[in-house]
Amino acid sequence: MLLPAKAEVSRHLQRYRAWERAMLAAPADSSVRATFEDTGYTLCVLMGKRCAREAADAAERYLRSGTETALWKQGARRAKNVARRSGTRPNRRFPAGH
């Protein structure tokens, strides 16, 4: 699994939080809402999540971690879940995506 640069994650998370505050201040403004949704989508793609809130949480955890272990463990859990559903054994050496 390729990991995004922490500087990029930080920049997109800050942008997402700024537009989140703007959207909460003016919920009826369609252009603010659209930009907020765009920043959420970008964060989802960057963090590999389907929900902007999950992506923001994952970005915060990633930025707090001194290593890449949080995302590596997440990939390992995902591989284990997929293997359990398909009836195969997960590759213990590498998590999904490696």
PDB file of N, CA and C in Angstrom:
ATOM      1  N   MET A   1       0.851  -1.171   0.000  1.00  0.00           N
ATOM      2  CA  MET A   1       0.000   0.000   0.000  1.00  0.00           C
ATOM      3  C   MET A   1       0.899   1.237   0.000  1.00  0.00           C
ATOM      4  N   LEU A   2       0.646   2.110  -0.931  1.00  0.00           N
ATOM      5  CA  LEU A   2       1.372   3.374  -0.955  1.00  0.00           C
ATOM      6  C   LEU A   2       0.756   4.318   0.058  1.00  0.00           C
ATOM      7  N   LEU A   3       1.594   4.997   0.793  1.00  0.00           N
ATOM      8  CA  LEU A   3       1.115   5.944   1.791  1.00  0.00           C
ATOM      9  C   LEU A   3       1.330   7.365   1.290  1.00  0.00           C
ATOM     10  N   PRO A   4       0.355   8.229   1.518  1.00  0.00           N
ATOM     11  CA  PRO A   4       0.500   9.616   1.075  1.00  0.00           C
ATOM     12  C   PRO A   4       1.508  10.359   1.939  1.00  0.00           C
ATOM     13  N   ALA A   5       2.085  11.394   1.378  1.00  0.00           N
ATOM     14  CA  ALA A   5       3.014  12.229   2.142  1.00  0.00           C
ATOM     15  C   ALA A   5       2.242  12.923   3.262  1.00  0.00           C
ATOM     16  N   LYS A   6       2.851  12.964   4.438  1.00  0.00           N
ATOM     17  CA  LYS A   6       2.165  13.567   5.581  1.00  0.00           C
ATOM     18  C   LYS A   6       1.859  15.041   5.340  1.00  0.00           C
ATOM     19  N   ALA A   7       2.707  15.726   4.588  1.00  0.00           N
ATOM     20  CA  ALA A   7       2.456  17.142   4.293  1.00  0.00           C
ATOM     21  C   ALA A   7       1.180  17.294   3.462  1.00  0.00           C
ATOM     22  N   GLU A   8       0.974  16.391   2.500  1.00  0.00           N
ATOM     23  CA  GLU A   8      -0.248  16.434   1.687  1.00  0.00           C
ATOM     24  C   GLU A   8      -1.475  16.128   2.534  1.00  0.00           C
ATOM     25  N   VAL A   9      -1.367  15.119   3.379  1.00  0.00           N
ATOM     26  CA  VAL A   9      -2.490  14.760   4.249  1.00  0.00           C
ATOM     27  C   VAL A   9      -2.837  15.935   5.146  1.00  0.00           C
ATOM     28  N   SER A  10      -1.829  16.546   5.728  1.00  0.00           N
ATOM     29  CA  SER A  10      -2.054  17.690   6.615  1.00  0.00           C
ATOM     30  C   SER A  10      -2.733  18.842   5.877  1.00  0.00           C
ATOM     31  N   ARG A  11      -2.254  19.130   4.685  1.00  0.00           N
ATOM     32  CA  ARG A  11      -2.822  20.235   3.899  1.00  0.00           C
ATOM     33  C   ARG A  11      -4.288  19.972   3.561  1.00  0.00           C
ATOM     34  N   HIS A  12      -4.601  18.764   3.134  1.00  0.00           N
ATOM     35  CA  HIS A  12      -5.977  18.446   2.766  1.00  0.00           C
ATOM     36  C   HIS A  12      -6.884  18.361   3.992  1.00  0.00           C
ATOM     37  N   LEU A  13      -6.352  17.872   5.102  1.00  0.00           N
ATOM     38  CA  LEU A  13      -7.154  17.826   6.327  1.00  0.00           C
ATOM     39  C   LEU A  13      -7.465  19.236   6.817  1.00  0.00           C
ATOM     40  N   GLN A  14      -6.502  20.141   6.777  1.00  0.00           N
ATOM     41  CA  GLN A  14      -6.745  21.529   7.175  1.00  0.00           C
ATOM     42  C   GLN A  14      -7.786  22.178   6.264  1.00  0.00           C
ATOM     43  N   ARG A  15      -7.677  21.913   4.987  1.00  0.00           N
ATOM     44  CA  ARG A  15      -8.641  22.480   4.029  1.00  0.00           C
ATOM     45  C   ARG A  15     -10.045  21.924   4.298  1.00  0.00           C
ATOM     46  N   TYR A  16     -10.123  20.625   4.547  1.00  0.00           N
ATOM     47  CA  TYR A  16     -11.407  19.991   4.850  1.00  0.00           C
ATOM     48  C   TYR A  16     -12.028  20.605   6.097  1.00  0.00           C
ATOM     49  N   ARG A  17     -11.236  20.765   7.151  1.00  0.00           N
ATOM     50  CA  ARG A  17     -11.752  21.333   8.406  1.00  0.00           C
ATOM     51  C   ARG A  17     -12.194  22.788   8.220  1.00  0.00           C
ATOM     52  N   ALA A  18     -11.461  23.554   7.427  1.00  0.00           N
ATOM     53  CA  ALA A  18     -11.842  24.952   7.187  1.00  0.00           C
ATOM     54  C   ALA A  18     -13.185  25.028   6.451  1.00  0.00           C
ATOM     55  N   TRP A  19     -13.363  24.190   5.422  1.00  0.00           N
ATOM     56  CA  TRP A  19     -14.629  24.199   4.687  1.00  0.00           C
ATOM     57  C   TRP A  19     -15.757  23.600   5.521  1.00  0.00           C
ATOM     58  N   GLU A  20     -15.430  22.699   6.420  1.00  0.00           N
ATOM     59  CA  GLU A  20     -16.443  22.158   7.330  1.00  0.00           C
ATOM     60  C   GLU A  20     -16.996  23.276   8.223  1.00  0.00           C
ATOM     61  N   ARG A  21     -16.087  24.097   8.757  1.00  0.00           N
ATOM     62  CA  ARG A  21     -16.530  25.230   9.584  1.00  0.00           C
ATOM     63  C   ARG A  21     -17.362  26.214   8.765  1.00  0.00           C
ATOM     64  N   ALA A  22     -16.934  26.473   7.527  1.00  0.00           N
ATOM     65  CA  ALA A  22     -17.680  27.396   6.662  1.00  0.00           C
ATOM     66  C   ALA A  22     -19.070  26.839   6.358  1.00  0.00           C
ATOM     67  N   MET A  23     -19.152  25.527   6.141  1.00  0.00           N
ATOM     68  CA  MET A  23     -20.452  24.924   5.829  1.00  0.00           C
ATOM     69  C   MET A  23     -21.369  24.964   7.048  1.00  0.00           C
ATOM     70  N   LEU A  24     -20.806  24.758   8.222  1.00  0.00           N
ATOM     71  CA  LEU A  24     -21.625  24.826   9.437  1.00  0.00           C
ATOM     72  C   LEU A  24     -22.109  26.254   9.699  1.00  0.00           C
ATOM     73  N   ALA A  25     -21.315  27.238   9.283  1.00  0.00           N
ATOM     74  CA  ALA A  25     -21.699  28.633   9.465  1.00  0.00           C
ATOM     75  C   ALA A  25     -22.745  29.069   8.438  1.00  0.00           C
ATOM     76  N   ALA A  26     -22.711  28.480   7.248  1.00  0.00           N
ATOM     77  CA  ALA A  26     -23.659  28.865   6.187  1.00  0.00           C
ATOM     78  C   ALA A  26     -24.178  27.609   5.486  1.00  0.00           C
ATOM     79  N   PRO A  27     -25.016  26.822   6.154  1.00  0.00           N
ATOM     80  CA  PRO A  27     -25.465  25.549   5.579  1.00  0.00           C
ATOM     81  C   PRO A  27     -26.329  25.700   4.321  1.00  0.00           C
ATOM     82  N   ALA A  28     -26.927  26.839   4.116  1.00  0.00           N
ATOM     83  CA  ALA A  28     -27.790  27.035   2.945  1.00  0.00           C
ATOM     84  C   ALA A  28     -27.008  27.452   1.704  1.00  0.00           C
ATOM     85  N   ASP A  29     -25.746  27.808   1.864  1.00  0.00           N
ATOM     86  CA  ASP A  29     -24.922  28.261   0.739  1.00  0.00           C
ATOM     87  C   ASP A  29     -24.470  27.049  -0.076  1.00  0.00           C
ATOM     88  N   SER A  30     -25.024  26.912  -1.268  1.00  0.00           N
ATOM     89  CA  SER A  30     -24.743  25.726  -2.081  1.00  0.00           C
ATOM     90  C   SER A  30     -23.292  25.665  -2.572  1.00  0.00           C
ATOM     91  N   SER A  31     -22.673  26.804  -2.813  1.00  0.00           N
ATOM     92  CA  SER A  31     -21.277  26.777  -3.273  1.00  0.00           C
ATOM     93  C   SER A  31     -20.339  26.350  -2.144  1.00  0.00           C
ATOM     94  N   VAL A  32     -20.636  26.775  -0.908  1.00  0.00           N
ATOM     95  CA  VAL A  32     -19.835  26.344   0.239  1.00  0.00           C
ATOM     96  C   VAL A  32     -20.006  24.842   0.444  1.00  0.00           C
ATOM     97  N   ARG A  33     -21.240  24.383   0.359  1.00  0.00           N
ATOM     98  CA  ARG A  33     -21.509  22.945   0.535  1.00  0.00           C
ATOM     99  C   ARG A  33     -20.799  22.127  -0.540  1.00  0.00           C
ATOM    100  N   ALA A  34     -20.843  22.584  -1.778  1.00  0.00           N
ATOM    101  CA  ALA A  34     -20.197  21.849  -2.871  1.00  0.00           C
ATOM    102  C   ALA A  34     -18.682  21.772  -2.666  1.00  0.00           C
ATOM    103  N   THR A  35     -18.088  22.877  -2.252  1.00  0.00           N
ATOM    104  CA  THR A  35     -16.644  22.878  -2.014  1.00  0.00           C
ATOM    105  C   THR A  35     -16.293  21.982  -0.834  1.00  0.00           C
ATOM    106  N   PHE A  36     -17.114  22.015   0.208  1.00  0.00           N
ATOM    107  CA  PHE A  36     -16.901  21.134   1.361  1.00  0.00           C
ATOM    108  C   PHE A  36     -16.963  19.672   0.919  1.00  0.00           C
ATOM    109  N   GLU A  37     -17.949  19.323   0.118  1.00  0.00           N
ATOM    110  CA  GLU A  37     -18.070  17.941  -0.366  1.00  0.00           C
ATOM    111  C   GLU A  37     -16.895  17.556  -1.254  1.00  0.00           C
ATOM    112  N   ASP A  38     -16.407  18.491  -2.057  1.00  0.00           N
ATOM    113  CA  ASP A  38     -15.227  18.218  -2.895  1.00  0.00           C
ATOM    114  C   ASP A  38     -13.992  17.941  -2.039  1.00  0.00           C
ATOM    115  N   THR A  39     -13.806  18.750  -0.990  1.00  0.00           N
ATOM    116  CA  THR A  39     -12.640  18.525  -0.130  1.00  0.00           C
ATOM    117  C   THR A  39     -12.773  17.201   0.619  1.00  0.00           C
ATOM    118  N   GLY A  40     -13.986  16.842   0.997  1.00  0.00           N
ATOM    119  CA  GLY A  40     -14.214  15.555   1.649  1.00  0.00           C
ATOM    120  C   GLY A  40     -13.901  14.403   0.713  1.00  0.00           C
ATOM    121  N   TYR A  41     -14.317  14.524  -0.539  1.00  0.00           N
ATOM    122  CA  TYR A  41     -14.040  13.482  -1.529  1.00  0.00           C
ATOM    123  C   TYR A  41     -12.536  13.316  -1.723  1.00  0.00           C
ATOM    124  N   THR A  42     -11.822  14.436  -1.834  1.00  0.00           N
ATOM    125  CA  THR A  42     -10.372  14.379  -2.009  1.00  0.00           C
ATOM    126  C   THR A  42      -9.717  13.674  -0.834  1.00  0.00           C
ATOM    127  N   LEU A  43     -10.160  13.984   0.370  1.00  0.00           N
ATOM    128  CA  LEU A  43      -9.612  13.341   1.562  1.00  0.00           C
ATOM    129  C   LEU A  43      -9.928  11.845   1.563  1.00  0.00           C
ATOM    130  N   CYS A  44     -11.119  11.473   1.111  1.00  0.00           N
ATOM    131  CA  CYS A  44     -11.480  10.047   1.005  1.00  0.00           C
ATOM    132  C   CYS A  44     -10.540   9.310   0.067  1.00  0.00           C
ATOM    133  N   VAL A  45     -10.285   9.888  -1.084  1.00  0.00           N
ATOM    134  CA  VAL A  45      -9.394   9.260  -2.059  1.00  0.00           C
ATOM    135  C   VAL A  45      -7.985   9.154  -1.487  1.00  0.00           C
ATOM    136  N   LEU A  46      -7.538  10.197  -0.858  1.00  0.00           N
ATOM    137  CA  LEU A  46      -6.185  10.235  -0.298  1.00  0.00           C
ATOM    138  C   LEU A  46      -6.000   9.188   0.799  1.00  0.00           C
ATOM    139  N   MET A  47      -7.023   9.007   1.626  1.00  0.00           N
ATOM    140  CA  MET A  47      -6.901   8.096   2.769  1.00  0.00           C
ATOM    141  C   MET A  47      -7.496   6.714   2.499  1.00  0.00           C
ATOM    142  N   GLY A  48      -8.103   6.519   1.341  1.00  0.00           N
ATOM    143  CA  GLY A  48      -8.671   5.217   1.010  1.00  0.00           C
ATOM    144  C   GLY A  48      -9.910   4.879   1.821  1.00  0.00           C
ATOM    145  N   LYS A  49     -10.750   5.863   2.073  1.00  0.00           N
ATOM    146  CA  LYS A  49     -11.978   5.668   2.846  1.00  0.00           C
ATOM    147  C   LYS A  49     -13.184   6.033   1.992  1.00  0.00           C
ATOM    148  N   ARG A  50     -14.348   5.531   2.402  1.00  0.00           N
ATOM    149  CA  ARG A  50     -15.582   5.821   1.654  1.00  0.00           C
ATOM    150  C   ARG A  50     -16.368   6.985   2.229  1.00  0.00           C
ATOM    151  N   CYS A  51     -16.069   7.354   3.449  1.00  0.00           N
ATOM    152  CA  CYS A  51     -16.804   8.408   4.145  1.00  0.00           C
ATOM    153  C   CYS A  51     -15.822   9.507   4.548  1.00  0.00           C
ATOM    154  N   ALA A  52     -16.213  10.756   4.343  1.00  0.00           N
ATOM    155  CA  ALA A  52     -15.324  11.880   4.648  1.00  0.00           C
ATOM    156  C   ALA A  52     -14.968  11.933   6.133  1.00  0.00           C
ATOM    157  N   ARG A  53     -15.916  11.626   6.984  1.00  0.00           N
ATOM    158  CA  ARG A  53     -15.630  11.639   8.419  1.00  0.00           C
ATOM    159  C   ARG A  53     -14.592  10.581   8.779  1.00  0.00           C
ATOM    160  N   GLU A  54     -14.740   9.384   8.199  1.00  0.00           N
ATOM    161  CA  GLU A  54     -13.749   8.327   8.429  1.00  0.00           C
ATOM    162  C   GLU A  54     -12.392   8.738   7.875  1.00  0.00           C
ATOM    163  N   ALA A  55     -12.396   9.387   6.723  1.00  0.00           N
ATOM    164  CA  ALA A  55     -11.144   9.834   6.114  1.00  0.00           C
ATOM    165  C   ALA A  55     -10.462  10.876   6.984  1.00  0.00           C
ATOM    166  N   ALA A  56     -11.234  11.794   7.544  1.00  0.00           N
ATOM    167  CA  ALA A  56     -10.656  12.815   8.428  1.00  0.00           C
ATOM    168  C   ALA A  56     -10.079  12.168   9.688  1.00  0.00           C
ATOM    169  N   ASP A  57     -10.805  11.210  10.253  1.00  0.00           N
ATOM    170  CA  ASP A  57     -10.293  10.496  11.435  1.00  0.00           C
ATOM    171  C   ASP A  57      -9.017   9.735  11.103  1.00  0.00           C
ATOM    172  N   ALA A  58      -9.016   9.061   9.952  1.00  0.00           N
ATOM    173  CA  ALA A  58      -7.833   8.308   9.532  1.00  0.00           C
ATOM    174  C   ALA A  58      -6.654   9.247   9.290  1.00  0.00           C
ATOM    175  N   ALA A  59      -6.919  10.408   8.714  1.00  0.00           N
ATOM    176  CA  ALA A  59      -5.861  11.383   8.472  1.00  0.00           C
ATOM    177  C   ALA A  59      -5.275  11.882   9.790  1.00  0.00           C
ATOM    178  N   GLU A  60      -6.130  12.144  10.761  1.00  0.00           N
ATOM    179  CA  GLU A  60      -5.635  12.598  12.058  1.00  0.00           C
ATOM    180  C   GLU A  60      -4.791  11.524  12.741  1.00  0.00           C
ATOM    181  N   ARG A  61      -5.253  10.259  12.665  1.00  0.00           N
ATOM    182  CA  ARG A  61      -4.466   9.161  13.249  1.00  0.00           C
ATOM    183  C   ARG A  61      -3.128   9.027  12.533  1.00  0.00           C
ATOM    184  N   TYR A  62      -3.150   9.120  11.215  1.00  0.00           N
ATOM    185  CA  TYR A  62      -1.932   8.995  10.420  1.00  0.00           C
ATOM    186  C   TYR A  62      -0.940  10.104  10.758  1.00  0.00           C
ATOM    187  N   LEU A  63      -1.435  11.312  10.924  1.00  0.00           N
ATOM    188  CA  LEU A  63      -0.549  12.429  11.243  1.00  0.00           C
ATOM    189  C   LEU A  63       0.009  12.327  12.660  1.00  0.00           C
ATOM    190  N   ARG A  64      -0.768  11.731  13.564  1.00  0.00           N
ATOM    191  CA  ARG A  64      -0.289  11.547  14.946  1.00  0.00           C
ATOM    192  C   ARG A  64       0.753  10.437  15.043  1.00  0.00           C
ATOM    193  N   SER A  65       0.633   9.437  14.187  1.00  0.00           N
ATOM    194  CA  SER A  65       1.535   8.287  14.279  1.00  0.00           C
ATOM    195  C   SER A  65       2.926   8.686  13.810  1.00  0.00           C
ATOM    196  N   GLY A  66       3.928   8.187  14.520  1.00  0.00           N
ATOM    197  CA  GLY A  66       5.307   8.453  14.134  1.00  0.00           C
ATOM    198  C   GLY A  66       5.767   7.517  13.035  1.00  0.00           C
ATOM    199  N   THR A  67       5.009   6.446  12.822  1.00  0.00           N
ATOM    200  CA  THR A  67       5.379   5.464  11.803  1.00  0.00           C
ATOM    201  C   THR A  67       4.183   5.188  10.916  1.00  0.00           C
ATOM    202  N   GLU A  68       4.345   4.255  10.037  1.00  0.00           N
ATOM    203  CA  GLU A  68       3.287   3.893   9.105  1.00  0.00           C
ATOM    204  C   GLU A  68       2.477   2.712   9.622  1.00  0.00           C
ATOM    205  N   THR A  69       2.651   2.345  10.875  1.00  0.00           N
ATOM    206  CA  THR A  69       2.034   1.128  11.391  1.00  0.00           C
ATOM    207  C   THR A  69       0.513   1.175  11.407  1.00  0.00           C
ATOM    208  N   ALA A  70      -0.080   2.329  11.632  1.00  0.00           N
ATOM    209  CA  ALA A  70      -1.541   2.399  11.711  1.00  0.00           C
ATOM    210  C   ALA A  70      -2.182   1.960  10.399  1.00  0.00           C
ATOM    211  N   LEU A  71      -1.695   2.460   9.270  1.00  0.00           N
ATOM    212  CA  LEU A  71      -2.258   2.071   7.985  1.00  0.00           C
ATOM    213  C   LEU A  71      -1.869   0.640   7.624  1.00  0.00           C
ATOM    214  N   TRP A  72      -0.677   0.201   8.028  1.00  0.00           N
ATOM    215  CA  TRP A  72      -0.247  -1.164   7.751  1.00  0.00           C
ATOM    216  C   TRP A  72      -1.159  -2.149   8.483  1.00  0.00           C
ATOM    217  N   LYS A  73      -1.452  -1.871   9.759  1.00  0.00           N
ATOM    218  CA  LYS A  73      -2.334  -2.745  10.531  1.00  0.00           C
ATOM    219  C   LYS A  73      -3.733  -2.766   9.931  1.00  0.00           C
ATOM    220  N   GLN A  74      -4.193  -1.609   9.460  1.00  0.00           N
ATOM    221  CA  GLN A  74      -5.511  -1.538   8.843  1.00  0.00           C
ATOM    222  C   GLN A  74      -5.549  -2.442   7.610  1.00  0.00           C
ATOM    223  N   GLY A  75      -4.502  -2.433   6.802  1.00  0.00           N
ATOM    224  CA  GLY A  75      -4.432  -3.301   5.633  1.00  0.00           C
ATOM    225  C   GLY A  75      -4.417  -4.767   6.019  1.00  0.00           C
ATOM    226  N   ALA A  76      -3.723  -5.087   7.100  1.00  0.00           N
ATOM    227  CA  ALA A  76      -3.676  -6.473   7.572  1.00  0.00           C
ATOM    228  C   ALA A  76      -5.054  -6.927   8.043  1.00  0.00           C
ATOM    229  N   ARG A  77      -5.768  -6.057   8.756  1.00  0.00           N
ATOM    230  CA  ARG A  77      -7.126  -6.406   9.208  1.00  0.00           C
ATOM    231  C   ARG A  77      -8.051  -6.617   8.020  1.00  0.00           C
ATOM    232  N   ARG A  78      -7.926  -5.751   7.022  1.00  0.00           N
ATOM    233  CA  ARG A  78      -8.768  -5.865   5.839  1.00  0.00           C
ATOM    234  C   ARG A  78      -8.491  -7.189   5.123  1.00  0.00           C
ATOM    235  N   ALA A  79      -7.213  -7.577   5.002  1.00  0.00           N
ATOM    236  CA  ALA A  79      -6.858  -8.841   4.356  1.00  0.00           C
ATOM    237  C   ALA A  79      -7.429 -10.016   5.126  1.00  0.00           C
ATOM    238  N   LYS A  80      -7.379  -9.935   6.446  1.00  0.00           N
ATOM    239  CA  LYS A  80      -7.911 -11.018   7.277  1.00  0.00           C
ATOM    240  C   LYS A  80      -9.420 -11.141   7.095  1.00  0.00           C
ATOM    241  N   ASN A  81     -10.128 -10.014   7.048  1.00  0.00           N
ATOM    242  CA  ASN A  81     -11.582 -10.035   6.858  1.00  0.00           C
ATOM    243  C   ASN A  81     -11.964 -10.585   5.490  1.00  0.00           C
ATOM    244  N   VAL A  82     -11.243 -10.197   4.461  1.00  0.00           N
ATOM    245  CA  VAL A  82     -11.520 -10.689   3.117  1.00  0.00           C
ATOM    246  C   VAL A  82     -11.263 -12.186   3.056  1.00  0.00           C
ATOM    247  N   ALA A  83     -10.157 -12.627   3.660  1.00  0.00           N
ATOM    248  CA  ALA A  83      -9.823 -14.041   3.653  1.00  0.00           C
ATOM    249  C   ALA A  83     -10.864 -14.849   4.410  1.00  0.00           C
ATOM    250  N   ARG A  84     -11.342 -14.312   5.514  1.00  0.00           N
ATOM    251  CA  ARG A  84     -12.342 -15.026   6.305  1.00  0.00           C
ATOM    252  C   ARG A  84     -13.616 -15.226   5.482  1.00  0.00           C
ATOM    253  N   ARG A  85     -14.006 -14.177   4.752  1.00  0.00           N
ATOM    254  CA  ARG A  85     -15.217 -14.271   3.936  1.00  0.00           C
ATOM    255  C   ARG A  85     -15.037 -15.205   2.749  1.00  0.00           C
ATOM    256  N   SER A  86     -13.824 -15.261   2.197  1.00  0.00           N
ATOM    257  CA  SER A  86     -13.609 -16.088   1.007  1.00  0.00           C
ATOM    258  C   SER A  86     -13.162 -17.502   1.351  1.00  0.00           C
ATOM    259  N   GLY A  87     -12.849 -17.767   2.619  1.00  0.00           N
ATOM    260  CA  GLY A  87     -12.448 -19.107   3.030  1.00  0.00           C
ATOM    261  C   GLY A  87     -10.985 -19.417   2.795  1.00  0.00           C
ATOM    262  N   THR A  88     -10.171 -18.405   2.477  1.00  0.00           N
ATOM    263  CA  THR A  88      -8.735 -18.622   2.290  1.00  0.00           C
ATOM    264  C   THR A  88      -7.970 -18.050   3.459  1.00  0.00           C
ATOM    265  N   ARG A  89      -6.722 -18.403   3.544  1.00  0.00           N
ATOM    266  CA  ARG A  89      -5.881 -17.874   4.620  1.00  0.00           C
ATOM    267  C   ARG A  89      -5.214 -16.586   4.153  1.00  0.00           C
ATOM    268  N   PRO A  90      -5.126 -15.593   5.021  1.00  0.00           N
ATOM    269  CA  PRO A  90      -4.452 -14.350   4.626  1.00  0.00           C
ATOM    270  C   PRO A  90      -2.948 -14.548   4.560  1.00  0.00           C
ATOM    271  N   ASN A  91      -2.299 -13.739   3.748  1.00  0.00           N
ATOM    272  CA  ASN A  91      -0.853 -13.741   3.686  1.00  0.00           C
ATOM    273  C   ASN A  91      -0.342 -12.975   4.891  1.00  0.00           C
ATOM    274  N   ARG A  92       0.249 -13.648   5.825  1.00  0.00           N
ATOM    275  CA  ARG A  92       0.661 -13.012   7.069  1.00  0.00           C
ATOM    276  C   ARG A  92       1.888 -12.141   6.896  1.00  0.00           C
ATOM    277  N   ARG A  93       2.608 -12.334   5.819  1.00  0.00           N
ATOM    278  CA  ARG A  93       3.804 -11.548   5.611  1.00  0.00           C
ATOM    279  C   ARG A  93       3.521 -10.122   5.154  1.00  0.00           C
ATOM    280  N   PHE A  94       2.490  -9.975   4.329  1.00  0.00           N
ATOM    281  CA  PHE A  94       2.156  -8.665   3.794  1.00  0.00           C
ATOM    282  C   PHE A  94       0.655  -8.440   3.913  1.00  0.00           C
ATOM    283  N   PRO A  95       0.226  -7.254   4.332  1.00  0.00           N
ATOM    284  CA  PRO A  95      -1.210  -6.954   4.344  1.00  0.00           C
ATOM    285  C   PRO A  95      -1.692  -6.712   2.923  1.00  0.00           C
ATOM    286  N   ALA A  96      -2.985  -6.601   2.788  1.00  0.00           N
ATOM    287  CA  ALA A  96      -3.596  -6.365   1.478  1.00  0.00           C
ATOM    288  C   ALA A  96      -3.007  -5.111   0.854  1.00  0.00           C
ATOM    289  N   GLY A  97      -2.786  -5.172  -0.426  1.00  0.00           N
ATOM    290  CA  GLY A  97      -2.285  -4.008  -1.138  1.00  0.00           C
ATOM    291  C   GLY A  97      -0.779  -3.987  -1.293  1.00  0.00           C
ATOM    292  N   HIS A  98      -0.075  -4.941  -0.697  1.00  0.00           N
ATOM    293  CA  HIS A  98       1.396  -4.963  -0.830  1.00  0.00           C
ATOM    294  C   HIS A  98       1.817  -5.995  -1.821  1.00  0.00           C
TER     295      HIS A  98
END
